[in-house]
PDB file of N, CA and C in Angstrom:
ATOM      1  N   MET A   1      -9.753   4.552  12.827  1.00  0.00           N
ATOM      2  CA  MET A   1     -10.779   5.455  12.356  1.00  0.00           C
ATOM      3  C   MET A   1     -11.994   4.623  11.958  1.00  0.00           C
ATOM      4  N   ASN A   2     -13.144   5.112  12.302  1.00  0.00           N
ATOM      5  CA  ASN A   2     -14.368   4.458  11.856  1.00  0.00           C
ATOM      6  C   ASN A   2     -15.317   5.521  11.307  1.00  0.00           C
ATOM      7  N   PHE A   3     -16.465   5.085  10.835  1.00  0.00           N
ATOM      8  CA  PHE A   3     -17.391   6.013  10.187  1.00  0.00           C
ATOM      9  C   PHE A   3     -18.014   6.996  11.183  1.00  0.00           C
ATOM     10  N   ARG A   4     -18.078   6.626  12.447  1.00  0.00           N
ATOM     11  CA  ARG A   4     -18.702   7.517  13.435  1.00  0.00           C
ATOM     12  C   ARG A   4     -17.860   8.763  13.713  1.00  0.00           C
ATOM     13  N   ASN A   5     -16.535   8.624  13.719  1.00  0.00           N
ATOM     14  CA  ASN A   5     -15.721   9.794  14.027  1.00  0.00           C
ATOM     15  C   ASN A   5     -15.383  10.620  12.782  1.00  0.00           C
ATOM     16  N   THR A   6     -16.139  10.434  11.714  1.00  0.00           N
ATOM     17  CA  THR A   6     -16.017  11.292  10.537  1.00  0.00           C
ATOM     18  C   THR A   6     -17.179  12.277  10.466  1.00  0.00           C
ATOM     19  N   SER A   7     -17.970  12.340  11.528  1.00  0.00           N
ATOM     20  CA  SER A   7     -19.186  13.156  11.516  1.00  0.00           C
ATOM     21  C   SER A   7     -18.895  14.646  11.418  1.00  0.00           C
ATOM     22  N   HIS A   8     -17.675  15.082  11.708  1.00  0.00           N
ATOM     23  CA  HIS A   8     -17.340  16.502  11.612  1.00  0.00           C
ATOM     24  C   HIS A   8     -17.432  17.016  10.175  1.00  0.00           C
ATOM     25  N   SER A   9     -17.510  16.096   9.201  1.00  0.00           N
ATOM     26  CA  SER A   9     -17.573  16.507   7.797  1.00  0.00           C
ATOM     27  C   SER A   9     -18.963  16.982   7.384  1.00  0.00           C
ATOM     28  N   GLY A  10     -19.975  16.696   8.188  1.00  0.00           N
ATOM     29  CA  GLY A  10     -21.340  17.067   7.826  1.00  0.00           C
ATOM     30  C   GLY A  10     -22.068  15.967   7.077  1.00  0.00           C
ATOM     31  N   LEU A  11     -21.368  14.894   6.712  1.00  0.00           N
ATOM     32  CA  LEU A  11     -21.998  13.761   6.045  1.00  0.00           C
ATOM     33  C   LEU A  11     -22.335  12.692   7.070  1.00  0.00           C
ATOM     34  N   SER A  12     -23.352  11.902   6.777  1.00  0.00           N
ATOM     35  CA  SER A  12     -23.783  10.891   7.738  1.00  0.00           C
ATOM     36  C   SER A  12     -22.869   9.670   7.697  1.00  0.00           C
ATOM     37  N   GLU A  13     -22.928   8.893   8.761  1.00  0.00           N
ATOM     38  CA  GLU A  13     -22.173   7.643   8.857  1.00  0.00           C
ATOM     39  C   GLU A  13     -22.558   6.709   7.713  1.00  0.00           C
ATOM     40  N   LYS A  14     -23.827   6.675   7.375  1.00  0.00           N
ATOM     41  CA  LYS A  14     -24.326   5.810   6.297  1.00  0.00           C
ATOM     42  C   LYS A  14     -23.730   6.200   4.934  1.00  0.00           C
ATOM     43  N   THR A  15     -23.561   7.502   4.694  1.00  0.00           N
ATOM     44  CA  THR A  15     -22.972   7.970   3.436  1.00  0.00           C
ATOM     45  C   THR A  15     -21.544   7.443   3.292  1.00  0.00           C
ATOM     46  N   PHE A  16     -20.761   7.541   4.367  1.00  0.00           N
ATOM     47  CA  PHE A  16     -19.394   7.032   4.325  1.00  0.00           C
ATOM     48  C   PHE A  16     -19.394   5.523   4.100  1.00  0.00           C
ATOM     49  N   PHE A  17     -20.261   4.803   4.792  1.00  0.00           N
ATOM     50  CA  PHE A  17     -20.317   3.350   4.671  1.00  0.00           C
ATOM     51  C   PHE A  17     -20.624   2.941   3.231  1.00  0.00           C
ATOM     52  N   ARG A  18     -21.596   3.576   2.613  1.00  0.00           N
ATOM     53  CA  ARG A  18     -21.965   3.250   1.233  1.00  0.00           C
ATOM     54  C   ARG A  18     -20.812   3.507   0.268  1.00  0.00           C
ATOM     55  N   ASN A  19     -20.135   4.630   0.429  1.00  0.00           N
ATOM     56  CA  ASN A  19     -19.053   4.970  -0.487  1.00  0.00           C
ATOM     57  C   ASN A  19     -17.819   4.101  -0.286  1.00  0.00           C
ATOM     58  N   PHE A  20     -17.561   3.647   0.924  1.00  0.00           N
ATOM     59  CA  PHE A  20     -16.406   2.787   1.164  1.00  0.00           C
ATOM     60  C   PHE A  20     -16.621   1.385   0.612  1.00  0.00           C
ATOM     61  N   ARG A  21     -17.860   0.994   0.360  1.00  0.00           N
ATOM     62  CA  ARG A  21     -18.153  -0.316  -0.218  1.00  0.00           C
ATOM     63  C   ARG A  21     -17.899  -0.342  -1.718  1.00  0.00           C
ATOM     64  N   ARG A  22     -17.817   0.809  -2.350  1.00  0.00           N
ATOM     65  CA  ARG A  22     -17.575   0.882  -3.793  1.00  0.00           C
ATOM     66  C   ARG A  22     -16.118   0.579  -4.119  1.00  0.00           C
ATOM     67  N   ASP A  23     -15.916   0.021  -5.327  1.00  0.00           N
ATOM     68  CA  ASP A  23     -14.546  -0.174  -5.805  1.00  0.00           C
ATOM     69  C   ASP A  23     -13.933   1.184  -6.136  1.00  0.00           C
ATOM     70  N   PHE A  24     -12.630   1.276  -5.945  1.00  0.00           N
ATOM     71  CA  PHE A  24     -11.917   2.510  -6.261  1.00  0.00           C
ATOM     72  C   PHE A  24     -10.617   2.145  -6.954  1.00  0.00           C
ATOM     73  N   ASP A  25     -10.327   2.776  -8.067  1.00  0.00           N
ATOM     74  CA  ASP A  25      -9.126   2.485  -8.848  1.00  0.00           C
ATOM     75  C   ASP A  25      -7.947   3.291  -8.285  1.00  0.00           C
ATOM     76  N   PHE A  26      -7.301   2.738  -7.252  1.00  0.00           N
ATOM     77  CA  PHE A  26      -6.186   3.437  -6.614  1.00  0.00           C
ATOM     78  C   PHE A  26      -4.998   3.601  -7.564  1.00  0.00           C
ATOM     79  N   LEU A  27      -4.780   2.618  -8.432  1.00  0.00           N
ATOM     80  CA  LEU A  27      -3.660   2.711  -9.367  1.00  0.00           C
ATOM     81  C   LEU A  27      -3.830   3.913 -10.293  1.00  0.00           C
ATOM     82  N   LEU A  28      -5.009   4.083 -10.846  1.00  0.00           N
ATOM     83  CA  LEU A  28      -5.273   5.240 -11.710  1.00  0.00           C
ATOM     84  C   LEU A  28      -5.163   6.544 -10.931  1.00  0.00           C
ATOM     85  N   PHE A  29      -5.741   6.566  -9.730  1.00  0.00           N
ATOM     86  CA  PHE A  29      -5.681   7.764  -8.895  1.00  0.00           C
ATOM     87  C   PHE A  29      -4.232   8.146  -8.589  1.00  0.00           C
ATOM     88  N   ASN A  30      -3.424   7.167  -8.173  1.00  0.00           N
ATOM     89  CA  ASN A  30      -2.022   7.441  -7.849  1.00  0.00           C
ATOM     90  C   ASN A  30      -1.241   7.879  -9.078  1.00  0.00           C
ATOM     91  N   ARG A  31      -1.522   7.250 -10.227  1.00  0.00           N
ATOM     92  CA  ARG A  31      -0.834   7.627 -11.458  1.00  0.00           C
ATOM     93  C   ARG A  31      -1.115   9.082 -11.831  1.00  0.00           C
ATOM     94  N   ILE A  32      -2.372   9.490 -11.716  1.00  0.00           N
ATOM     95  CA  ILE A  32      -2.735  10.879 -12.022  1.00  0.00           C
ATOM     96  C   ILE A  32      -2.097  11.838 -11.019  1.00  0.00           C
ATOM     97  N   ALA A  33      -2.150  11.481  -9.728  1.00  0.00           N
ATOM     98  CA  ALA A  33      -1.569  12.338  -8.687  1.00  0.00           C
ATOM     99  C   ALA A  33      -0.057  12.484  -8.868  1.00  0.00           C
ATOM    100  N   ILE A  34       0.626  11.387  -9.157  1.00  0.00           N
ATOM    101  CA  ILE A  34       2.072  11.442  -9.373  1.00  0.00           C
ATOM    102  C   ILE A  34       2.379  12.285 -10.606  1.00  0.00           C
ATOM    103  N   GLY A  35       1.583  12.141 -11.657  1.00  0.00           N
ATOM    104  CA  GLY A  35       1.768  12.940 -12.868  1.00  0.00           C
ATOM    105  C   GLY A  35       1.632  14.426 -12.605  1.00  0.00           C
ATOM    106  N   GLU A  36       0.708  14.794 -11.716  1.00  0.00           N
ATOM    107  CA  GLU A  36       0.534  16.205 -11.358  1.00  0.00           C
ATOM    108  C   GLU A  36       1.768  16.748 -10.635  1.00  0.00           C
ATOM    109  N   VAL A  37       2.377  15.938  -9.802  1.00  0.00           N
ATOM    110  CA  VAL A  37       3.539  16.377  -9.025  1.00  0.00           C
ATOM    111  C   VAL A  37       4.809  16.361  -9.864  1.00  0.00           C
ATOM    112  N   VAL A  38       5.016  15.267 -10.590  1.00  0.00           N
ATOM    113  CA  VAL A  38       6.261  15.071 -11.324  1.00  0.00           C
ATOM    114  C   VAL A  38       6.264  15.830 -12.645  1.00  0.00           C
ATOM    115  N   GLY A  39       5.108  15.916 -13.298  1.00  0.00           N
ATOM    116  CA  GLY A  39       5.041  16.578 -14.596  1.00  0.00           C
ATOM    117  C   GLY A  39       5.442  15.644 -15.720  1.00  0.00           C
ATOM    118  N   THR A  40       5.676  16.219 -16.892  1.00  0.00           N
ATOM    119  CA  THR A  40       5.962  15.399 -18.072  1.00  0.00           C
ATOM    120  C   THR A  40       7.413  15.498 -18.524  1.00  0.00           C
ATOM    121  N   THR A  41       8.226  16.270 -17.849  1.00  0.00           N
ATOM    122  CA  THR A  41       9.628  16.388 -18.227  1.00  0.00           C
ATOM    123  C   THR A  41      10.503  15.756 -17.155  1.00  0.00           C
ATOM    124  N   GLY A  42      11.725  15.492 -17.503  1.00  0.00           N
ATOM    125  CA  GLY A  42      12.662  14.923 -16.536  1.00  0.00           C
ATOM    126  C   GLY A  42      12.806  13.428 -16.719  1.00  0.00           C
ATOM    127  N   THR A  43      13.659  12.851 -15.910  1.00  0.00           N
ATOM    128  CA  THR A  43      13.955  11.429 -15.984  1.00  0.00           C
ATOM    129  C   THR A  43      13.204  10.690 -14.888  1.00  0.00           C
ATOM    130  N   ARG A  44      12.421   9.708 -15.302  1.00  0.00           N
ATOM    131  CA  ARG A  44      11.672   8.894 -14.354  1.00  0.00           C
ATOM    132  C   ARG A  44      11.902   7.422 -14.675  1.00  0.00           C
ATOM    133  N   VAL A  45      11.941   6.608 -13.635  1.00  0.00           N
ATOM    134  CA  VAL A  45      12.045   5.164 -13.793  1.00  0.00           C
ATOM    135  C   VAL A  45      11.064   4.509 -12.835  1.00  0.00           C
ATOM    136  N   ALA A  46      10.700   3.277 -13.140  1.00  0.00           N
ATOM    137  CA  ALA A  46       9.863   2.496 -12.232  1.00  0.00           C
ATOM    138  C   ALA A  46      10.773   1.602 -11.398  1.00  0.00           C
ATOM    139  N   ALA A  47      10.420   1.437 -10.155  1.00  0.00           N
ATOM    140  CA  ALA A  47      11.203   0.579  -9.265  1.00  0.00           C
ATOM    141  C   ALA A  47      10.253  -0.328  -8.502  1.00  0.00           C
ATOM    142  N   MET A  48      10.718  -1.521  -8.191  1.00  0.00           N
ATOM    143  CA  MET A  48       9.914  -2.456  -7.418  1.00  0.00           C
ATOM    144  C   MET A  48      10.731  -2.942  -6.239  1.00  0.00           C
ATOM    145  N   GLY A  49      10.077  -3.050  -5.118  1.00  0.00           N
ATOM    146  CA  GLY A  49      10.751  -3.549  -3.933  1.00  0.00           C
ATOM    147  C   GLY A  49       9.755  -4.222  -3.017  1.00  0.00           C
ATOM    148  N   CYS A  50      10.270  -4.964  -2.078  1.00  0.00           N
ATOM    149  CA  CYS A  50       9.433  -5.631  -1.092  1.00  0.00           C
ATOM    150  C   CYS A  50       9.776  -5.089   0.277  1.00  0.00           C
ATOM    151  N   THR A  51       8.801  -5.105   1.137  1.00  0.00           N
ATOM    152  CA  THR A  51       9.033  -4.669   2.506  1.00  0.00           C
ATOM    153  C   THR A  51       8.373  -5.648   3.455  1.00  0.00           C
ATOM    154  N   PHE A  52       9.024  -5.900   4.549  1.00  0.00           N
ATOM    155  CA  PHE A  52       8.524  -6.830   5.567  1.00  0.00           C
ATOM    156  C   PHE A  52       7.951  -6.032   6.728  1.00  0.00           C
ATOM    157  N   VAL A  53       6.800  -6.479   7.226  1.00  0.00           N
ATOM    158  CA  VAL A  53       6.165  -5.838   8.378  1.00  0.00           C
ATOM    159  C   VAL A  53       6.014  -6.901   9.463  1.00  0.00           C
ATOM    160  N   PRO A  54       6.771  -6.773  10.565  1.00  0.00           N
ATOM    161  CA  PRO A  54       6.599  -7.751  11.641  1.00  0.00           C
ATOM    162  C   PRO A  54       5.210  -7.607  12.241  1.00  0.00           C
ATOM    163  N   LYS A  55       4.545  -8.705  12.457  1.00  0.00           N
ATOM    164  CA  LYS A  55       3.169  -8.633  12.944  1.00  0.00           C
ATOM    165  C   LYS A  55       2.888  -9.888  13.742  1.00  0.00           C
ATOM    166  N   GLY A  56       2.242  -9.732  14.862  1.00  0.00           N
ATOM    167  CA  GLY A  56       1.832 -10.863  15.681  1.00  0.00           C
ATOM    168  C   GLY A  56       0.318 -10.954  15.717  1.00  0.00           C
ATOM    169  N   GLY A  57      -0.188 -11.902  16.452  1.00  0.00           N
ATOM    170  CA  GLY A  57      -1.637 -12.046  16.582  1.00  0.00           C
ATOM    171  C   GLY A  57      -2.205 -12.986  15.538  1.00  0.00           C
ATOM    172  N   ASP A  58      -3.536 -13.074  15.529  1.00  0.00           N
ATOM    173  CA  ASP A  58      -4.175 -14.000  14.602  1.00  0.00           C
ATOM    174  C   ASP A  58      -5.348 -13.373  13.853  1.00  0.00           C
ATOM    175  N   GLN A  59      -5.475 -12.067  13.893  1.00  0.00           N
ATOM    176  CA  GLN A  59      -6.596 -11.397  13.246  1.00  0.00           C
ATOM    177  C   GLN A  59      -6.242 -10.776  11.900  1.00  0.00           C
ATOM    178  N   THR A  60      -5.006 -10.888  11.456  1.00  0.00           N
ATOM    179  CA  THR A  60      -4.571 -10.290  10.200  1.00  0.00           C
ATOM    180  C   THR A  60      -4.379 -11.378   9.156  1.00  0.00           C
ATOM    181  N   CYS A  61      -4.953 -11.188   7.979  1.00  0.00           N
ATOM    182  CA  CYS A  61      -4.850 -12.158   6.891  1.00  0.00           C
ATOM    183  C   CYS A  61      -3.385 -12.376   6.510  1.00  0.00           C
ATOM    184  N   GLY A  62      -2.944 -13.626   6.509  1.00  0.00           N
ATOM    185  CA  GLY A  62      -1.597 -13.957   6.074  1.00  0.00           C
ATOM    186  C   GLY A  62      -0.534 -13.865   7.146  1.00  0.00           C
ATOM    187  N   VAL A  63      -0.907 -13.516   8.375  1.00  0.00           N
ATOM    188  CA  VAL A  63       0.106 -13.302   9.407  1.00  0.00           C
ATOM    189  C   VAL A  63       0.734 -14.612   9.886  1.00  0.00           C
ATOM    190  N   ASP A  64       0.129 -15.740   9.568  1.00  0.00           N
ATOM    191  CA  ASP A  64       0.680 -17.023   9.998  1.00  0.00           C
ATOM    192  C   ASP A  64       1.844 -17.482   9.128  1.00  0.00           C
ATOM    193  N   ASP A  65       2.114 -16.792   8.045  1.00  0.00           N
ATOM    194  CA  ASP A  65       3.197 -17.191   7.155  1.00  0.00           C
ATOM    195  C   ASP A  65       4.508 -16.509   7.537  1.00  0.00           C
ATOM    196  N   TRP A  66       5.580 -17.077   7.007  1.00  0.00           N
ATOM    197  CA  TRP A  66       6.918 -16.575   7.266  1.00  0.00           C
ATOM    198  C   TRP A  66       7.455 -15.931   6.003  1.00  0.00           C
ATOM    199  N   PHE A  67       8.043 -14.759   6.158  1.00  0.00           N
ATOM    200  CA  PHE A  67       8.616 -14.034   5.025  1.00  0.00           C
ATOM    201  C   PHE A  67      10.030 -13.595   5.390  1.00  0.00           C
ATOM    202  N   ARG A  68      10.778 -13.212   4.378  1.00  0.00           N
ATOM    203  CA  ARG A  68      12.167 -12.796   4.585  1.00  0.00           C
ATOM    204  C   ARG A  68      12.218 -11.387   5.145  1.00  0.00           C
ATOM    205  N   ASN A  69      12.841 -11.218   6.303  1.00  0.00           N
ATOM    206  CA  ASN A  69      13.088  -9.914   6.893  1.00  0.00           C
ATOM    207  C   ASN A  69      14.554  -9.588   6.623  1.00  0.00           C
ATOM    208  N   GLY A  70      14.786  -8.722   5.632  1.00  0.00           N
ATOM    209  CA  GLY A  70      16.147  -8.393   5.238  1.00  0.00           C
ATOM    210  C   GLY A  70      16.926  -7.693   6.329  1.00  0.00           C
ATOM    211  N   CYS A  71      16.253  -6.883   7.154  1.00  0.00           N
ATOM    212  CA  CYS A  71      16.951  -6.174   8.242  1.00  0.00           C
ATOM    213  C   CYS A  71      17.497  -7.150   9.277  1.00  0.00           C
ATOM    214  N   ALA A  72      16.723  -8.186   9.578  1.00  0.00           N
ATOM    215  CA  ALA A  72      17.160  -9.177  10.564  1.00  0.00           C
ATOM    216  C   ALA A  72      17.945 -10.309   9.907  1.00  0.00           C
ATOM    217  N   ASP A  73      17.957 -10.348   8.574  1.00  0.00           N
ATOM    218  CA  ASP A  73      18.650 -11.370   7.802  1.00  0.00           C
ATOM    219  C   ASP A  73      18.165 -12.775   8.158  1.00  0.00           C
ATOM    220  N   ARG A  74      16.831 -12.902   8.295  1.00  0.00           N
ATOM    221  CA  ARG A  74      16.233 -14.214   8.568  1.00  0.00           C
ATOM    222  C   ARG A  74      14.742 -14.180   8.220  1.00  0.00           C
ATOM    223  N   ASN A  75      14.136 -15.349   8.160  1.00  0.00           N
ATOM    224  CA  ASN A  75      12.694 -15.433   7.946  1.00  0.00           C
ATOM    225  C   ASN A  75      11.983 -15.213   9.267  1.00  0.00           C
ATOM    226  N   GLU A  76      10.878 -14.448   9.214  1.00  0.00           N
ATOM    227  CA  GLU A  76      10.108 -14.157  10.421  1.00  0.00           C
ATOM    228  C   GLU A  76       8.627 -14.189  10.102  1.00  0.00           C
ATOM    229  N   LYS A  77       7.838 -14.363  11.154  1.00  0.00           N
ATOM    230  CA  LYS A  77       6.387 -14.333  11.025  1.00  0.00           C
ATOM    231  C   LYS A  77       5.959 -12.878  10.844  1.00  0.00           C
ATOM    232  N   GLY A  78       5.144 -12.630   9.830  1.00  0.00           N
ATOM    233  CA  GLY A  78       4.695 -11.268   9.593  1.00  0.00           C
ATOM    234  C   GLY A  78       4.036 -11.139   8.237  1.00  0.00           C
ATOM    235  N   LEU A  79       4.095  -9.953   7.676  1.00  0.00           N
ATOM    236  CA  LEU A  79       3.495  -9.657   6.381  1.00  0.00           C
ATOM    237  C   LEU A  79       4.569  -9.174   5.418  1.00  0.00           C
ATOM    238  N   ASP A  80       4.330  -9.399   4.135  1.00  0.00           N
ATOM    239  CA  ASP A  80       5.245  -8.952   3.099  1.00  0.00           C
ATOM    240  C   ASP A  80       4.448  -8.138   2.092  1.00  0.00           C
ATOM    241  N   LEU A  81       4.973  -6.999   1.692  1.00  0.00           N
ATOM    242  CA  LEU A  81       4.313  -6.140   0.709  1.00  0.00           C
ATOM    243  C   LEU A  81       5.222  -5.934  -0.481  1.00  0.00           C
ATOM    244  N   SER A  82       4.631  -5.984  -1.667  1.00  0.00           N
ATOM    245  CA  SER A  82       5.346  -5.634  -2.889  1.00  0.00           C
ATOM    246  C   SER A  82       4.925  -4.226  -3.274  1.00  0.00           C
ATOM    247  N   VAL A  83       5.902  -3.371  -3.509  1.00  0.00           N
ATOM    248  CA  VAL A  83       5.630  -1.970  -3.798  1.00  0.00           C
ATOM    249  C   VAL A  83       6.233  -1.595  -5.143  1.00  0.00           C
ATOM    250  N   ILE A  84       5.447  -0.914  -5.972  1.00  0.00           N
ATOM    251  CA  ILE A  84       5.943  -0.357  -7.224  1.00  0.00           C
ATOM    252  C   ILE A  84       5.935   1.155  -7.064  1.00  0.00           C
ATOM    253  N   ALA A  85       7.043   1.786  -7.403  1.00  0.00           N
ATOM    254  CA  ALA A  85       7.171   3.235  -7.234  1.00  0.00           C
ATOM    255  C   ALA A  85       7.661   3.873  -8.527  1.00  0.00           C
ATOM    256  N   ILE A  86       7.325   5.134  -8.691  1.00  0.00           N
ATOM    257  CA  ILE A  86       7.865   5.945  -9.769  1.00  0.00           C
ATOM    258  C   ILE A  86       8.954   6.812  -9.143  1.00  0.00           C
ATOM    259  N   VAL A  87      10.156   6.719  -9.677  1.00  0.00           N
ATOM    260  CA  VAL A  87      11.291   7.464  -9.140  1.00  0.00           C
ATOM    261  C   VAL A  87      11.567   8.656 -10.049  1.00  0.00           C
ATOM    262  N   ASP A  88      11.538   9.839  -9.459  1.00  0.00           N
ATOM    263  CA  ASP A  88      11.917  11.060 -10.162  1.00  0.00           C
ATOM    264  C   ASP A  88      13.419  11.210  -9.946  1.00  0.00           C
ATOM    265  N   VAL A  89      14.192  10.822 -10.940  1.00  0.00           N
ATOM    266  CA  VAL A  89      15.647  10.785 -10.817  1.00  0.00           C
ATOM    267  C   VAL A  89      16.215  12.184 -10.584  1.00  0.00           C
ATOM    268  N   ASP A  90      15.677  13.183 -11.263  1.00  0.00           N
ATOM    269  CA  ASP A  90      16.203  14.543 -11.143  1.00  0.00           C
ATOM    270  C   ASP A  90      15.999  15.116  -9.744  1.00  0.00           C
ATOM    271  N   ARG A  91      14.861  14.834  -9.142  1.00  0.00           N
ATOM    272  CA  ARG A  91      14.558  15.353  -7.793  1.00  0.00           C
ATOM    273  C   ARG A  91      14.966  14.395  -6.680  1.00  0.00           C
ATOM    274  N   LYS A  92      15.422  13.191  -7.078  1.00  0.00           N
ATOM    275  CA  LYS A  92      15.828  12.165  -6.112  1.00  0.00           C
ATOM    276  C   LYS A  92      14.704  11.847  -5.132  1.00  0.00           C
ATOM    277  N   THR A  93      13.519  11.611  -5.714  1.00  0.00           N
ATOM    278  CA  THR A  93      12.324  11.340  -4.921  1.00  0.00           C
ATOM    279  C   THR A  93      11.574  10.175  -5.553  1.00  0.00           C
ATOM    280  N   ALA A  94      10.922   9.365  -4.720  1.00  0.00           N
ATOM    281  CA  ALA A  94      10.108   8.257  -5.220  1.00  0.00           C
ATOM    282  C   ALA A  94       8.684   8.405  -4.708  1.00  0.00           C
ATOM    283  N   TYR A  95       7.746   7.995  -5.544  1.00  0.00           N
ATOM    284  CA  TYR A  95       6.324   8.068  -5.211  1.00  0.00           C
ATOM    285  C   TYR A  95       5.723   6.681  -5.370  1.00  0.00           C
ATOM    286  N   SER A  96       5.082   6.167  -4.323  1.00  0.00           N
ATOM    287  CA  SER A  96       4.472   4.834  -4.388  1.00  0.00           C
ATOM    288  C   SER A  96       3.291   4.855  -5.345  1.00  0.00           C
ATOM    289  N   LEU A  97       3.339   3.963  -6.297  1.00  0.00           N
ATOM    290  CA  LEU A  97       2.258   3.846  -7.263  1.00  0.00           C
ATOM    291  C   LEU A  97       1.287   2.758  -6.838  1.00  0.00           C
ATOM    292  N   SER A  98       1.828   1.651  -6.356  1.00  0.00           N
ATOM    293  CA  SER A  98       0.993   0.515  -5.983  1.00  0.00           C
ATOM    294  C   SER A  98       1.672  -0.266  -4.873  1.00  0.00           C
ATOM    295  N   ALA A  99       0.880  -0.756  -3.945  1.00  0.00           N
ATOM    296  CA  ALA A  99       1.383  -1.637  -2.888  1.00  0.00           C
ATOM    297  C   ALA A  99       0.387  -2.769  -2.716  1.00  0.00           C
ATOM    298  N   MET A 100       0.897  -3.984  -2.656  1.00  0.00           N
ATOM    299  CA  MET A 100       0.013  -5.131  -2.547  1.00  0.00           C
ATOM    300  C   MET A 100       0.617  -6.145  -1.588  1.00  0.00           C
ATOM    301  N   GLN A 101      -0.229  -6.660  -0.705  1.00  0.00           N
ATOM    302  CA  GLN A 101       0.234  -7.667   0.244  1.00  0.00           C
ATOM    303  C   GLN A 101       0.519  -8.970  -0.497  1.00  0.00           C
ATOM    304  N   THR A 102       1.676  -9.557  -0.199  1.00  0.00           N
ATOM    305  CA  THR A 102       2.019 -10.844  -0.774  1.00  0.00           C
ATOM    306  C   THR A 102       1.084 -11.882  -0.170  1.00  0.00           C
ATOM    307  N   PRO A 103       0.395 -12.662  -1.024  1.00  0.00           N
ATOM    308  CA  PRO A 103      -0.550 -13.646  -0.464  1.00  0.00           C
ATOM    309  C   PRO A 103       0.176 -14.741   0.288  1.00  0.00           C
ATOM    310  N   PRO A 104      -0.472 -15.278   1.318  1.00  0.00           N
ATOM    311  CA  PRO A 104       0.143 -16.385   2.062  1.00  0.00           C
ATOM    312  C   PRO A 104       0.236 -17.632   1.199  1.00  0.00           C
ATOM    313  N   ILE A 105       1.198 -18.470   1.497  1.00  0.00           N
ATOM    314  CA  ILE A 105       1.353 -19.743   0.781  1.00  0.00           C
ATOM    315  C   ILE A 105       0.320 -20.704   1.317  1.00  0.00           C
ATOM    316  N   LEU A 106      -0.405 -21.335   0.413  1.00  0.00           N
ATOM    317  CA  LEU A 106      -1.397 -22.317   0.828  1.00  0.00           C
ATOM    318  C   LEU A 106      -0.695 -23.634   1.130  1.00  0.00           C
ATOM    319  N   HIS A 107      -0.828 -24.097   2.337  1.00  0.00           N
ATOM    320  CA  HIS A 107      -0.201 -25.358   2.749  1.00  0.00           C
ATOM    321  C   HIS A 107      -1.215 -26.480   2.574  1.00  0.00           C
ATOM    322  N   LEU A 108      -0.907 -27.397   1.677  1.00  0.00           N
ATOM    323  CA  LEU A 108      -1.841 -28.487   1.395  1.00  0.00           C
ATOM    324  C   LEU A 108      -1.601 -29.668   2.284  1.00  0.00           C
TER     325      LEU A 108
END
């Protein structure tokens, strides 16, 4: 997706470009959104996990590093993400609160 194919909204390409350059507090946004869905009652816990994304090529930041791929039970070239989720125990559902790419190891 790029700014040109958002023209169906009635806003200009420049408007989208300017707004995408601004910082946005995704953690706060996700926390509020999850609160609206889950509510204030019930049992909730926080959970953290990592996920591996196999990736080739040389245009993605950090793709030259090796991370643990638990499914393949070996280290592979790709990306690693750390995810924090809010788990609604009563509904047996989890909502991603934050996801962050694991930075590559700097080789000196």
